[in-house]
Amino acid sequence: MKILIVGAGAIGGYFGGRLLEKGADVTFLVRKKRQKQLKENGLVVSSIHGDLHFPALQTVGPESQPEPYDVILVSTKSYHLDGAIDSIRPFVGDRTMILPLLNGIAHLDALTEAFGPEKVIGGLCFIETTLDESGKVIQTSPVQDLVFGERNGERSERILQLQATFDDTKANFRLSENIEQEMWQKYLFITSLSGITSLFRAPIGPIREQTQGAETIKSLLHETVEIMTAIGAPLSEGAMDATWNKLNEIGHGMKSSLQRDIEKSLLTEGDHLFGFLLKKAAELQIDAPTLSAVYANVDIYESMLNS
């Protein structure tokens, strides 16, 4: 299958590199600055699972000759989603699958509106990775999971073909028959992790070890589950306890990507993650003081960043 990866950043660069490692047909859709960087240095990945270097890559830009791809993997930040939608239009054919790996859930509506529900499958990833100043992908966590599936849970012919394409990659690509539930549960986890680590400006370990820090995590979890349940999210039974356990099991020094963006003085996905849930809470008249504080923290940071 012909795979187009939107962006060659921390997520797209890492999983794209692993697919290239196994010989998959991968092309990267990148901006001119990143394209120039890749031409000069190639795709460089430093990972605890083994380093990678590809001196020559197939790249295209939004102005390139239109051609259809079998699957388009969208791994941009949420605030770049509108631009990504415009840039992939020339590469979406009749049989194209669009596989988003964004955090949150609101992007599904935007992609479905742009391309139709039949084009958009479900996806998520768990990985700790970032880009350094030279454009190298730095991957530091034992977890390197990419999960995908039809949103209705069907084991369709096309999703089985995609599974075969992903098989034997040196990262954990997994087909899910309940991808929407898994996406909501990832949303719950990432809201908790990114919200709490950005609020306290600390890795998860010191926060959960401090009494009030642990209580704040529990409060944020409770509010998020209440909102998600009220809007009909398909969370599994015991999702809150499972997320609490996961937050206590992950590495002491684990940081969220949102927190790393703040450390780099970059924009964040706070609106996409926290703002979306607070809007739903307001519509349903649900009180969410901890989530409100998390959102205020990020919103104030961004207002100062732009001032």
Protein backbone atom coordinates (compact mmCIF):
# COMPACT_ATOMS: atom_id res chain seq x y z
CA MET A 1 0.00 0.00 0.00
CA LYS A 2 1.12 3.56 -0.71
CA ILE A 3 1.36 5.50 2.55
CA LEU A 4 1.43 9.29 2.84
CA ILE A 5 2.44 10.71 6.22
CA VAL A 6 1.46 14.30 6.89
CA GLY A 7 4.48 15.86 8.48
CA ALA A 8 7.78 14.30 9.50
CA GLY A 9 7.73 15.51 13.07
CA ALA A 10 7.99 13.61 16.32
CA ILE A 11 5.07 11.23 15.66
CA GLY A 12 5.03 11.00 11.86
CA GLY A 13 8.81 10.88 11.66
CA TYR A 14 9.06 8.07 14.19
CA PHE A 15 6.36 5.74 12.88
CA GLY A 16 7.25 6.64 9.29
CA GLY A 17 10.84 5.68 10.03
CA ARG A 18 9.80 2.33 11.46
CA LEU A 19 7.68 1.66 8.37
CA LEU A 20 10.60 2.60 6.11
CA GLU A 21 12.81 0.24 8.14
CA LYS A 22 10.62 -2.69 7.09
CA GLY A 23 10.51 -1.57 3.46
CA ALA A 24 7.06 0.02 3.27
CA ASP A 25 6.22 2.52 0.51
CA VAL A 26 6.22 5.76 2.53
CA THR A 27 6.10 9.37 1.36
CA PHE A 28 6.13 12.42 3.64
CA LEU A 29 4.00 15.51 2.98
CA VAL A 30 6.05 18.34 4.43
CA ARG A 31 6.47 22.10 4.36
CA LYS A 32 9.41 23.63 2.47
CA LYS A 33 11.51 24.24 5.60
CA ARG A 34 11.20 20.63 6.78
CA GLN A 35 11.68 19.35 3.22
CA LYS A 36 14.97 21.26 2.99
CA GLN A 37 16.06 19.89 6.37
CA LEU A 38 15.27 16.32 5.31
CA LYS A 39 17.15 16.74 2.04
CA GLU A 40 20.21 17.97 3.90
CA ASN A 41 20.21 15.56 6.85
CA GLY A 42 17.80 12.78 5.94
CA LEU A 43 15.37 11.39 8.51
CA VAL A 44 17.28 10.75 11.75
CA VAL A 45 15.71 8.88 14.66
CA SER A 46 17.38 8.35 18.02
CA SER A 47 15.41 5.70 19.90
CA ILE A 48 15.80 3.30 22.80
CA HIS A 49 14.43 0.71 20.37
CA GLY A 50 17.24 1.29 17.89
CA ASP A 51 18.44 4.30 15.92
CA LEU A 52 17.46 4.97 12.31
CA HIS A 53 18.89 7.11 9.52
CA PHE A 54 17.46 7.44 6.03
CA PRO A 55 19.60 9.81 3.92
CA ALA A 56 17.07 9.92 1.07
CA LEU A 57 13.29 10.12 1.43
CA GLN A 58 10.28 10.46 -0.80
CA THR A 59 8.69 13.83 -0.01
CA VAL A 60 5.92 15.93 -1.54
CA GLY A 61 4.52 19.37 -0.80
CA PRO A 62 1.00 20.80 -1.08
CA GLU A 63 1.90 22.09 -4.54
CA SER A 64 3.04 18.67 -5.84
CA GLN A 65 1.31 16.79 -8.63
CA PRO A 66 -1.96 15.29 -7.29
CA GLU A 67 -1.99 11.51 -6.89
CA PRO A 68 -4.03 9.19 -4.67
CA TYR A 69 -2.59 7.27 -1.73
CA ASP A 70 -4.03 4.15 -0.11
CA VAL A 71 -3.65 5.55 3.41
CA ILE A 72 -2.88 9.04 4.69
CA LEU A 73 -1.56 9.16 8.23
CA VAL A 74 -2.32 12.53 9.86
CA SER A 75 -0.04 13.19 12.83
CA THR A 76 -0.13 16.99 13.04
CA LYS A 77 -0.99 19.08 16.08
CA SER A 78 -4.68 19.97 16.36
CA TYR A 79 -4.05 23.66 15.62
CA HIS A 80 -2.58 22.63 12.24
CA LEU A 81 -5.54 20.40 11.33
CA ASP A 82 -7.29 22.88 9.02
CA GLY A 83 -4.08 23.36 7.07
CA ALA A 84 -3.50 19.60 6.95
CA ILE A 85 -7.00 19.04 5.55
CA ASP A 86 -6.34 21.52 2.75
CA SER A 87 -2.91 20.05 2.00
CA ILE A 88 -4.07 16.43 1.68
CA ARG A 89 -7.05 17.09 -0.61
CA PRO A 90 -5.02 16.50 -3.82
CA PHE A 91 -3.88 13.12 -2.48
CA VAL A 92 -7.25 11.68 -1.42
CA GLY A 93 -8.64 9.21 -3.96
CA ASP A 94 -11.77 7.09 -4.11
CA ARG A 95 -10.22 4.31 -1.99
CA THR A 96 -8.07 6.40 0.37
CA MET A 97 -8.19 5.74 4.12
CA ILE A 98 -7.39 8.68 6.40
CA LEU A 99 -5.82 7.55 9.67
CA PRO A 100 -5.62 10.36 12.27
CA LEU A 101 -3.30 10.08 15.27
CA LEU A 102 -4.25 13.36 16.93
CA ASN A 103 -5.03 13.59 20.61
CA GLY A 104 -8.66 14.19 21.55
CA ILE A 105 -11.76 13.45 19.50
CA ALA A 106 -13.01 16.68 17.88
CA HIS A 107 -10.81 16.17 14.80
CA LEU A 108 -12.99 13.25 13.67
CA ASP A 109 -15.85 15.65 12.94
CA ALA A 110 -13.60 17.99 10.96
CA LEU A 111 -12.12 15.18 8.86
CA THR A 112 -15.51 13.56 8.30
CA GLU A 113 -17.01 16.86 7.18
CA ALA A 114 -14.13 17.39 4.75
CA PHE A 115 -13.87 13.90 3.24
CA GLY A 116 -16.94 11.89 4.26
CA PRO A 117 -17.34 9.26 6.99
CA GLU A 118 -16.25 6.36 4.79
CA LYS A 119 -12.77 7.83 4.32
CA VAL A 120 -11.94 8.37 8.01
CA ILE A 121 -10.87 5.42 10.15
CA GLY A 122 -9.97 5.54 13.84
CA GLY A 123 -6.50 5.79 15.26
CA LEU A 124 -4.36 6.74 18.23
CA CYS A 125 -0.82 6.32 19.46
CA PHE A 126 1.05 6.06 22.75
CA ILE A 127 4.64 7.24 22.56
CA GLU A 128 7.00 9.77 24.15
CA THR A 129 8.90 11.50 21.39
CA THR A 130 10.06 14.97 20.37
CA LEU A 131 12.12 16.81 17.77
CA ASP A 132 15.40 18.48 18.67
CA GLU A 133 16.65 21.73 17.12
CA SER A 134 18.31 19.88 14.22
CA GLY A 135 15.12 18.04 13.29
CA LYS A 136 16.20 14.71 14.80
CA VAL A 137 13.40 12.56 16.24
CA ILE A 138 14.18 11.69 19.87
CA GLN A 139 12.16 8.72 21.18
CA THR A 140 12.65 7.82 24.84
CA SER A 141 9.83 5.62 26.14
CA PRO A 142 9.46 1.82 26.13
CA VAL A 143 5.92 2.30 24.75
CA GLN A 144 5.67 2.75 20.97
CA ASP A 145 2.06 1.84 20.16
CA LEU A 146 -0.06 2.78 17.16
CA VAL A 147 -3.66 1.52 17.23
CA PHE A 148 -6.05 1.66 14.27
CA GLY A 149 -9.38 0.25 13.12
CA GLU A 150 -12.69 0.82 11.39
CA ARG A 151 -14.82 3.15 13.50
CA ASN A 152 -17.73 0.67 13.39
CA GLY A 153 -15.44 -2.18 14.51
CA GLU A 154 -15.73 -4.09 11.24
CA ARG A 155 -12.84 -6.28 10.06
CA SER A 156 -13.19 -4.97 6.53
CA GLU A 157 -11.07 -6.05 3.61
CA ARG A 158 -9.27 -2.70 3.51
CA ILE A 159 -8.48 -2.68 7.24
CA LEU A 160 -7.05 -6.20 7.00
CA GLN A 161 -4.90 -5.05 4.08
CA LEU A 162 -3.67 -2.20 6.22
CA GLN A 163 -2.95 -4.61 9.06
CA ALA A 164 -0.88 -6.73 6.67
CA THR A 165 1.02 -3.62 5.58
CA PHE A 166 1.82 -2.73 9.20
CA ASP A 167 2.75 -6.27 10.25
CA ASP A 168 6.38 -6.98 11.19
CA THR A 169 7.16 -3.32 11.84
CA LYS A 170 9.54 -2.79 14.77
CA ALA A 171 6.90 -0.82 16.64
CA ASN A 172 3.56 -2.00 18.01
CA PHE A 173 0.94 -1.51 15.28
CA ARG A 174 -2.33 -3.05 16.50
CA LEU A 175 -5.71 -3.51 14.85
CA SER A 176 -8.61 -2.71 17.18
CA GLU A 177 -12.21 -3.81 16.79
CA ASN A 178 -13.30 -1.15 19.30
CA ILE A 179 -11.25 1.84 18.20
CA GLU A 180 -13.72 4.57 19.19
CA GLN A 181 -13.77 3.36 22.79
CA GLU A 182 -9.98 3.19 22.79
CA MET A 183 -9.78 6.73 21.37
CA TRP A 184 -12.03 8.07 24.14
CA GLN A 185 -10.02 6.26 26.78
CA LYS A 186 -6.81 7.69 25.33
CA TYR A 187 -8.53 11.10 25.45
CA LEU A 188 -9.26 10.56 29.14
CA PHE A 189 -5.66 9.55 29.80
CA ILE A 190 -4.06 12.38 27.82
CA THR A 191 -6.39 14.99 29.33
CA SER A 192 -5.34 13.81 32.79
CA LEU A 193 -1.61 13.52 32.03
CA SER A 194 -1.22 16.69 29.98
CA GLY A 195 -3.55 18.68 32.19
CA ILE A 196 -1.86 17.80 35.44
CA THR A 197 1.78 17.96 34.27
CA SER A 198 1.25 21.33 32.57
CA LEU A 199 -0.62 22.70 35.60
CA PHE A 200 2.20 21.79 37.99
CA ARG A 201 5.03 22.19 35.45
CA ALA A 202 6.45 18.85 36.57
CA PRO A 203 6.72 15.23 35.45
CA ILE A 204 3.98 12.91 36.70
CA GLY A 205 6.10 11.26 39.42
CA PRO A 206 6.57 14.18 41.83
CA ILE A 207 2.91 15.19 41.40
CA ARG A 208 1.41 11.82 42.30
CA GLU A 209 3.78 11.50 45.27
CA GLN A 210 2.55 14.78 46.82
CA THR A 211 -0.73 14.55 48.73
CA GLN A 212 -2.49 17.53 47.16
CA GLY A 213 -1.01 16.67 43.78
CA ALA A 214 -2.53 13.19 43.91
CA GLU A 215 -5.89 14.64 45.00
CA THR A 216 -5.82 17.06 42.07
CA ILE A 217 -5.23 14.18 39.66
CA LYS A 218 -8.24 12.34 41.12
CA SER A 219 -10.41 15.45 40.89
CA LEU A 220 -9.46 16.03 37.25
CA LEU A 221 -10.16 12.40 36.43
CA HIS A 222 -13.57 12.49 38.12
CA GLU A 223 -14.66 15.66 36.29
CA THR A 224 -13.44 14.41 32.91
CA VAL A 225 -15.23 11.06 33.26
CA GLU A 226 -18.42 12.83 34.35
CA ILE A 227 -18.40 15.06 31.25
CA MET A 228 -17.51 12.25 28.86
CA THR A 229 -20.21 9.99 30.30
CA ALA A 230 -22.80 12.77 30.03
CA ILE A 231 -22.12 13.27 26.32
CA GLY A 232 -22.35 9.56 25.62
CA ALA A 233 -18.69 8.66 25.19
CA PRO A 234 -18.22 4.88 24.99
CA LEU A 235 -15.90 4.56 27.97
CA SER A 236 -15.42 1.09 29.36
CA GLU A 237 -16.63 0.21 32.85
CA GLY A 238 -13.91 1.11 35.31
CA ALA A 239 -12.22 3.57 32.92
CA MET A 240 -11.49 6.05 35.71
CA ASP A 241 -9.77 3.47 37.94
CA ALA A 242 -7.84 2.07 34.97
CA THR A 243 -6.60 5.55 34.07
CA TRP A 244 -5.61 6.28 37.68
CA ASN A 245 -3.66 3.03 37.77
CA LYS A 246 -1.95 3.84 34.48
CA LEU A 247 -0.94 7.29 35.74
CA ASN A 248 0.65 5.56 38.73
CA GLU A 249 2.42 2.95 36.62
CA ILE A 250 4.09 5.16 34.00
CA GLY A 251 7.65 6.32 34.52
CA HIS A 252 8.43 8.80 37.28
CA GLY A 253 9.89 11.29 34.81
CA MET A 254 7.11 11.02 32.20
CA LYS A 255 6.08 14.35 30.68
CA SER A 256 3.21 15.06 28.31
CA SER A 257 3.75 16.45 24.81
CA LEU A 258 1.66 19.49 25.80
CA GLN A 259 3.98 20.16 28.71
CA ARG A 260 6.99 19.85 26.40
CA ASP A 261 5.39 22.37 24.04
CA ILE A 262 5.08 24.83 26.93
CA GLU A 263 8.73 24.26 27.83
CA LYS A 264 9.63 25.15 24.23
CA SER A 265 7.37 28.26 24.26
CA LEU A 266 5.15 26.76 21.55
CA LEU A 267 1.40 26.74 21.01
CA THR A 268 -0.49 23.92 22.74
CA GLU A 269 -3.50 21.70 22.08
CA GLY A 270 -5.28 23.01 25.17
CA ASP A 271 -8.32 24.21 23.25
CA HIS A 272 -8.68 20.86 21.45
CA LEU A 273 -8.33 18.82 24.63
CA PHE A 274 -9.65 20.87 27.55
CA GLY A 275 -11.68 23.55 25.77
CA PHE A 276 -13.79 20.98 23.92
CA LEU A 277 -14.75 19.24 27.17
CA LEU A 278 -15.46 22.50 29.00
CA LYS A 279 -17.77 23.60 26.19
CA LYS A 280 -19.71 20.35 26.57
CA ALA A 281 -19.75 20.78 30.36
CA ALA A 282 -21.19 24.28 30.03
CA GLU A 283 -23.92 23.03 27.69
CA LEU A 284 -24.86 20.36 30.24
CA GLN A 285 -24.38 22.62 33.27
CA ILE A 286 -21.70 20.38 34.77
CA ASP A 287 -19.34 22.03 37.23
CA ALA A 288 -15.67 21.27 36.46
CA PRO A 289 -13.41 23.52 38.60
CA THR A 290 -10.22 21.46 38.24
CA LEU A 291 -10.56 21.14 34.47
CA SER A 292 -11.32 24.87 34.34
CA ALA A 293 -8.09 25.59 36.20
CA VAL A 294 -6.16 23.35 33.82
CA TYR A 295 -7.63 25.18 30.83
CA ALA A 296 -7.07 28.61 32.38
CA ASN A 297 -3.42 27.73 32.99
CA VAL A 298 -2.85 26.90 29.32
CA ASP A 299 -5.00 29.75 28.01
CA ILE A 300 -3.15 32.33 30.12
CA TYR A 301 0.18 30.89 29.03
CA GLU A 302 -0.82 31.22 25.35
CA SER A 303 -2.13 34.78 25.80
CA MET A 304 1.22 35.77 27.33
CA LEU A 305 3.06 33.92 24.57
CA ASN A 306 1.29 36.03 21.94
CA SER A 307 1.59 39.34 23.77
